[in-house]
Protein backbone atom coordinates (compact mmCIF):
# COMPACT_ATOMS: atom_id res chain seq x y z
CA MET A 1 -7.21 20.24 -23.50
CA LYS A 2 -4.87 21.24 -20.68
CA ILE A 3 -3.80 18.24 -18.08
CA VAL A 4 -1.94 19.18 -15.31
CA ILE A 5 0.05 16.40 -13.25
CA PRO A 6 0.93 17.85 -9.34
CA ASP A 7 3.28 15.26 -8.23
CA GLY A 8 5.22 13.72 -11.02
CA ASP A 9 8.13 13.06 -8.81
CA THR A 10 5.88 10.26 -6.65
CA LEU A 11 5.79 8.14 -10.12
CA ALA A 12 8.84 8.65 -11.75
CA LEU A 13 12.60 8.01 -11.73
CA PRO A 14 14.38 10.44 -13.46
CA ASP A 15 14.43 8.38 -16.63
CA MET A 16 10.80 8.09 -16.55
CA LYS A 17 9.77 11.84 -16.99
CA ALA A 18 10.39 12.02 -20.56
CA HIS A 19 7.99 9.10 -21.07
CA ILE A 20 5.55 10.33 -18.56
CA LEU A 21 5.32 13.73 -21.04
CA GLU A 22 5.13 11.12 -23.97
CA ILE A 23 2.39 9.39 -23.18
CA PHE A 24 -0.08 12.12 -22.04
CA SER A 25 1.08 14.83 -24.83
CA GLN A 26 -1.03 13.40 -26.97
CA TYR A 27 -4.19 14.21 -25.43
CA GLY A 28 -3.06 17.78 -25.02
CA GLU A 29 -0.96 20.29 -23.23
CA VAL A 30 0.90 18.80 -20.41
CA VAL A 31 2.24 20.68 -17.31
CA CYS A 32 4.15 18.23 -14.96
CA ASN A 33 5.58 19.60 -11.55
CA GLY A 34 7.45 17.12 -9.43
CA THR A 35 5.96 18.06 -6.16
CA THR A 36 2.90 20.47 -5.25
CA LYS A 37 2.31 21.87 -1.83
CA PRO A 38 -1.28 21.64 -0.51
CA GLU A 39 -1.54 25.39 -0.24
CA GLU A 40 -0.29 25.61 -4.00
CA VAL A 41 -2.87 23.09 -5.50
CA ALA A 42 -5.30 25.15 -6.67
CA GLU A 43 -2.69 27.93 -8.51
CA LYS A 44 -1.07 24.83 -9.93
CA ILE A 45 -4.15 23.47 -11.57
CA GLY A 46 -5.70 26.75 -12.66
CA ASP A 47 -7.02 26.98 -15.88
CA ALA A 48 -6.57 23.05 -16.68
CA ASP A 49 -9.07 20.92 -18.12
CA ALA A 50 -7.88 17.46 -16.28
CA VAL A 51 -5.62 16.59 -13.32
CA LEU A 52 -3.30 13.64 -13.17
CA CYS A 53 -2.32 12.96 -9.63
CA ASN A 54 -1.08 10.48 -6.79
CA LYS A 55 -1.55 11.33 -3.70
CA THR A 56 -1.94 15.41 -3.91
CA PRO A 57 -5.34 16.50 -2.12
CA ILE A 58 -7.60 17.88 -4.12
CA THR A 59 -10.33 19.32 -1.67
CA ARG A 60 -13.94 20.80 -1.77
CA GLU A 61 -11.78 24.37 -1.90
CA VAL A 62 -9.59 23.30 -4.60
CA ILE A 63 -12.14 22.24 -6.65
CA GLY A 64 -14.21 25.47 -5.92
CA LYS A 65 -11.30 27.24 -7.23
CA CYS A 66 -10.65 25.42 -10.42
CA PRO A 67 -13.85 26.00 -12.78
CA ASN A 68 -12.46 24.35 -15.93
CA LEU A 69 -11.41 21.11 -13.64
CA LYS A 70 -13.51 18.46 -15.66
CA TYR A 71 -11.64 15.19 -15.04
CA ILE A 72 -9.60 13.78 -12.51
CA GLY A 73 -7.11 10.82 -13.10
CA LEU A 74 -5.53 8.88 -10.20
CA PHE A 75 -2.14 7.32 -10.52
CA ALA A 76 -3.47 5.14 -7.72
CA THR A 77 -6.12 2.75 -6.36
CA GLY A 78 -6.95 4.37 -3.10
CA TYR A 79 -8.69 7.74 -3.82
CA ASN A 80 -9.47 9.35 -0.42
CA ASN A 81 -6.98 11.92 -1.18
CA ILE A 82 -10.21 13.40 -3.35
CA ASP A 83 -13.24 14.96 -2.36
CA ILE A 84 -15.55 12.93 -4.36
CA PRO A 85 -18.72 14.47 -3.27
CA ALA A 86 -17.14 18.07 -4.04
CA ALA A 87 -15.97 16.52 -7.55
CA THR A 88 -19.20 14.51 -8.25
CA GLU A 89 -21.74 18.10 -7.43
CA LYS A 90 -19.33 19.43 -9.83
CA ASN A 91 -19.45 17.01 -12.30
CA ILE A 92 -15.94 15.98 -12.49
CA ILE A 93 -15.03 12.62 -13.42
CA VAL A 94 -12.98 10.91 -10.86
CA CYS A 95 -11.07 7.60 -12.31
CA ASN A 96 -8.97 5.27 -10.75
CA ALA A 97 -6.50 2.78 -11.27
CA GLY A 98 -7.33 -0.60 -9.83
CA ALA A 99 -5.56 -3.61 -9.49
CA TYR A 100 -2.14 -2.46 -11.48
CA SER A 101 0.39 -3.36 -8.32
CA THR A 102 -1.50 -6.39 -7.09
CA HIS A 103 1.98 -8.64 -7.93
CA ALA A 104 4.35 -6.41 -6.95
CA VAL A 105 2.56 -5.81 -3.45
CA VAL A 106 2.17 -9.62 -3.17
CA GLN A 107 5.89 -9.88 -3.73
CA HIS A 108 6.55 -7.05 -1.01
CA THR A 109 4.27 -9.30 1.43
CA PHE A 110 5.96 -11.82 1.42
CA ALA A 111 9.57 -10.45 1.01
CA LEU A 112 8.89 -8.60 4.57
CA LEU A 113 7.64 -11.76 5.79
CA PHE A 114 10.83 -13.90 4.58
CA ALA A 115 13.03 -11.24 6.38
CA LEU A 116 11.02 -11.27 9.87
CA THR A 117 10.50 -15.42 10.00
CA GLY A 118 14.23 -16.04 8.47
CA ASN A 119 15.63 -13.23 10.91
CA LEU A 120 17.98 -12.14 7.38
CA MET A 121 18.54 -8.54 8.76
CA LYS A 122 20.33 -10.35 11.89
CA TYR A 123 22.24 -12.77 9.49
CA HIS A 124 23.25 -10.04 6.78
CA GLY A 125 24.49 -7.99 9.68
CA ALA A 126 26.24 -10.92 11.31
CA VAL A 127 28.09 -11.77 8.19
CA LYS A 128 28.95 -8.51 7.33
CA ALA A 129 30.67 -8.11 11.26
CA GLY A 130 32.45 -11.42 10.22
CA GLU A 131 30.95 -13.73 12.54
CA TRP A 132 30.30 -16.39 10.31
CA GLU A 133 33.90 -16.55 9.24
CA ARG A 134 34.84 -16.93 13.26
CA SER A 135 32.24 -19.96 13.23
CA PRO A 136 33.66 -23.36 14.17
CA VAL A 137 30.86 -24.82 12.22
CA PHE A 138 30.24 -25.12 8.63
CA SER A 139 26.34 -23.22 9.57
CA TYR A 140 25.88 -20.30 11.65
CA PHE A 141 22.41 -19.83 12.81
CA PRO A 142 22.25 -18.53 16.38
CA TYR A 143 18.97 -16.66 15.53
CA PRO A 144 15.73 -18.66 15.13
CA VAL A 145 14.51 -19.49 11.33
CA HIS A 146 11.28 -20.40 11.01
CA GLU A 147 9.01 -22.23 8.46
CA LEU A 148 6.11 -21.26 6.81
CA TYR A 149 4.51 -24.92 5.87
CA GLN A 150 1.61 -25.50 8.09
CA LYS A 151 1.13 -22.14 9.76
CA THR A 152 -1.77 -20.41 9.84
CA PHE A 153 -2.36 -17.00 7.74
CA GLY A 154 -4.70 -14.43 8.25
CA VAL A 155 -5.80 -12.12 5.08
CA ILE A 156 -7.91 -8.96 6.14
CA GLY A 157 -9.39 -7.72 3.13
CA PHE A 158 -10.21 -10.31 0.21
CA GLY A 159 -10.10 -7.78 -3.08
CA SER A 160 -7.42 -8.17 -5.88
CA ILE A 161 -4.21 -8.28 -3.59
CA GLY A 162 -5.69 -10.35 -0.72
CA GLN A 163 -7.09 -13.23 -3.17
CA HIS A 164 -3.53 -13.18 -4.79
CA VAL A 165 -1.67 -13.32 -1.47
CA ALA A 166 -3.81 -15.99 -0.55
CA LYS A 167 -3.22 -17.78 -2.99
CA ALA A 168 0.26 -17.37 -2.48
CA ALA A 169 0.23 -18.41 1.19
CA ASP A 170 -1.59 -21.70 0.17
CA ALA A 171 1.21 -22.13 -2.36
CA PHE A 172 3.56 -22.57 0.52
CA GLY A 173 1.24 -25.21 2.56
CA MET A 174 -0.24 -22.67 4.74
CA ARG A 175 -3.92 -22.64 6.07
CA VAL A 176 -5.09 -19.44 4.93
CA PHE A 177 -7.93 -17.45 7.10
CA VAL A 178 -10.00 -14.61 5.06
CA ASN A 179 -11.42 -12.08 6.74
CA THR A 180 -13.76 -9.73 4.78
CA ARG A 181 -16.45 -7.24 4.88
CA THR A 182 -18.60 -8.81 1.60
CA LYS A 183 -18.45 -12.40 1.49
CA PRO A 184 -17.19 -13.30 -1.71
CA GLU A 185 -18.41 -16.27 -3.77
CA HIS A 186 -16.79 -19.08 -4.29
CA CYS A 187 -13.90 -18.69 -2.01
CA PRO A 188 -11.52 -21.30 -1.05
CA TYR A 189 -10.54 -20.69 1.88
CA GLU A 190 -11.93 -20.64 5.51
CA LEU A 191 -14.33 -17.42 6.12
CA VAL A 192 -13.58 -16.52 10.01
CA THR A 193 -14.60 -13.40 12.33
CA GLN A 194 -11.95 -11.08 12.89
CA GLU A 195 -11.65 -12.39 16.55
CA GLU A 196 -10.93 -15.55 15.39
CA LEU A 197 -8.33 -14.61 12.43
CA PHE A 198 -6.68 -12.71 15.06
CA ARG A 199 -6.40 -15.55 17.80
CA GLN A 200 -5.53 -18.41 14.96
CA SER A 201 -3.29 -16.50 12.66
CA ASP A 202 0.47 -17.07 12.32
CA VAL A 203 0.67 -14.30 10.43
CA VAL A 204 -1.99 -11.59 9.93
CA SER A 205 -1.58 -9.81 7.06
CA ILE A 206 -3.43 -6.36 6.08
CA HIS A 207 -5.13 -5.70 2.58
CA CYS A 208 -7.90 -3.67 3.01
CA PRO A 209 -8.99 -0.10 2.37
CA LEU A 210 -8.51 2.62 4.82
CA THR A 211 -12.09 3.48 6.31
CA GLU A 212 -13.52 4.88 9.11
CA GLN A 213 -14.52 1.22 10.15
CA THR A 214 -10.65 0.26 9.54
CA ALA A 215 -9.11 2.95 11.26
CA ASN A 216 -7.00 1.72 13.89
CA LEU A 217 -8.26 -1.98 13.37
CA ILE A 218 -4.98 -2.60 14.39
CA ASN A 219 -4.71 -1.49 18.35
CA THR A 220 -4.12 -2.92 21.92
CA GLU A 221 -7.32 -4.92 21.92
CA THR A 222 -6.91 -6.83 18.95
CA LEU A 223 -3.02 -7.36 19.03
CA SER A 224 -3.80 -9.15 22.40
CA LEU A 225 -5.72 -11.65 20.92
CA MET A 226 -2.70 -12.62 18.62
CA LYS A 227 -0.27 -15.54 19.48
CA PRO A 228 3.12 -14.59 21.08
CA SER A 229 4.76 -15.77 18.12
CA ALA A 230 2.24 -14.19 15.47
CA TYR A 231 3.80 -11.74 12.79
CA LEU A 232 2.02 -8.44 11.22
CA ILE A 233 2.06 -7.75 7.76
CA ASN A 234 0.77 -3.59 6.41
CA THR A 235 0.90 -2.98 2.54
CA ALA A 236 -2.23 -1.50 2.91
CA ARG A 237 -2.12 2.02 4.59
CA GLY A 238 -0.74 3.23 7.40
CA GLY A 239 -3.88 4.36 9.31
CA ILE A 240 -5.07 1.42 9.62
CA VAL A 241 -2.48 0.75 12.44
CA ASN A 242 -1.90 2.43 16.06
CA GLU A 243 1.14 2.93 15.69
CA GLN A 244 1.92 3.31 19.54
CA ASN A 245 -0.21 0.20 20.35
CA LEU A 246 1.76 -1.83 17.65
CA ALA A 247 4.86 -0.47 19.23
CA ASP A 248 4.27 -1.14 22.92
CA ALA A 249 3.28 -5.08 21.54
CA LEU A 250 6.43 -5.46 20.02
CA ASN A 251 8.43 -3.79 22.66
CA GLN A 252 6.73 -5.96 25.32
CA GLU A 253 7.13 -9.42 23.13
CA LYS A 254 3.44 -10.05 22.86
CA ILE A 255 3.70 -10.90 19.18
CA ALA A 256 6.77 -11.52 17.51
CA GLY A 257 7.28 -9.02 14.86
CA ALA A 258 6.02 -6.44 12.24
CA GLY A 259 6.54 -5.80 8.40
CA LEU A 260 5.22 -2.48 7.42
CA ASP A 261 5.55 -0.65 3.85
CA VAL A 262 3.09 2.05 5.27
CA LEU A 263 2.99 4.49 8.10
CA VAL A 264 0.49 7.10 9.31
CA SER A 265 2.38 9.71 8.13
CA GLU A 266 4.39 9.45 4.56
CA PRO A 267 7.32 10.65 4.63
CA MET A 268 7.91 8.78 7.99
CA SER A 269 7.59 11.23 10.85
CA PRO A 270 10.83 11.15 13.17
CA GLU A 271 8.63 10.80 16.28
CA THR A 272 6.80 7.40 14.91
CA PRO A 273 7.31 5.01 17.71
CA LEU A 274 7.74 2.16 15.43
CA LYS A 275 11.20 3.68 14.35
CA SER A 276 13.01 2.02 17.57
CA ALA A 277 10.53 -0.57 17.95
CA LYS A 278 11.42 -4.05 18.59
CA ASN A 279 11.90 -6.53 15.24
CA CYS A 280 9.98 -4.17 13.37
CA LEU A 281 11.09 -4.03 9.92
CA ILE A 282 9.94 -0.70 8.07
CA THR A 283 10.19 0.13 4.15
CA PRO A 284 9.65 3.15 2.54
CA HIS A 285 6.22 2.87 0.78
CA ILE A 286 7.57 0.78 -1.92
CA ALA A 287 5.43 -2.05 -2.42
CA TRP A 288 3.57 -0.56 -5.42
CA SER A 289 7.21 1.25 -7.24
CA ALA A 290 8.57 -1.82 -9.32
CA VAL A 291 9.37 -0.70 -12.38
CA GLU A 292 6.90 -2.76 -14.32
CA THR A 293 4.25 -1.91 -12.03
CA ARG A 294 4.82 1.66 -12.77
CA GLU A 295 4.65 1.26 -16.36
CA ARG A 296 1.30 -0.75 -16.33
CA LEU A 297 0.03 2.33 -14.19
CA LEU A 298 1.19 4.78 -16.56
CA GLN A 299 -0.87 2.89 -19.12
CA ILE A 300 -3.72 2.62 -17.22
CA VAL A 301 -4.06 6.09 -16.54
CA SER A 302 -3.43 6.77 -19.99
CA ASP A 303 -6.42 4.38 -20.99
CA ASN A 304 -8.77 5.81 -18.80
CA LEU A 305 -8.15 9.51 -20.02
CA LYS A 306 -8.50 8.37 -23.55
CA ALA A 307 -12.05 6.65 -22.50
CA TYR A 308 -12.94 9.63 -20.68
CA LEU A 309 -12.26 12.00 -23.77
CA SER A 310 -14.21 9.20 -26.36
CA GLY A 311 -17.11 9.72 -24.02
CA THR A 312 -17.12 5.95 -22.03
CA PRO A 313 -15.21 6.42 -19.05
CA MET A 314 -13.68 3.72 -17.43
CA ASN A 315 -12.65 2.86 -14.00
CA GLN A 316 -15.09 5.66 -12.60
CA VAL A 317 -15.11 5.93 -8.64
CA ASN A 318 -18.21 8.83 -8.60
């Protein structure tokens, strides 16, 4: 079996690349490319039997040019970069890696929230600038700091990550609201409409997939429902947020702040209006990237490939 990895650099720090080759070489010949431009994908895959990719687009055109392709394994939970109908028509099995990043994403969600509610970036800058050294009293706090206790935390999407985020918010003594497309069984939190969630939440945290229904969910209308003191956190997909609408809301102080780990264009476009928006904390899509998380991801993708080769595919999305 020939296996092609078109975007190995999206997975690995330099010290993990040899580990990636070691894991997958047990299944056949492995060709690992650092990055692949969209116009090069079909050529790089060539006569391979399997592709293991993260964000590389596997389009209908690519599938049509790769007649030996039988398996696509994703180093990701989302699979919107794969043309699923085209793969299905060609009897190509597509398997994703579900729930591998749950704990890391929960951790990063609250890291963003703590930084915003604690004004940590401003305090870090102030300390570096010597302002605490010049303070006449022991405690220097010109910027407001807010507790999470007894605030309302709104979770949009209640999959594995959404459930664990809700549990963490509950542990901080927050009132948890949940809005989700499919009503969960035995949900210990209040299920509310989107409008009620936006109106009442002190924090709105997004954990739903990017679909036609959720694209631009965060827009002028939904932002106008939020409290001026509320925060928005997005560790899901950038396309769920209308970036210009959010920037306008932040600059006009219609909401208190936003913490974002994902944007519409990644790497970030220099043209994004959020780059200079008020009280907008942006991290470069790192919520999933903890070392332990990526080790877990590699094992899941390896197990998926092994199961496929044994004739019992698991985590199949088509």
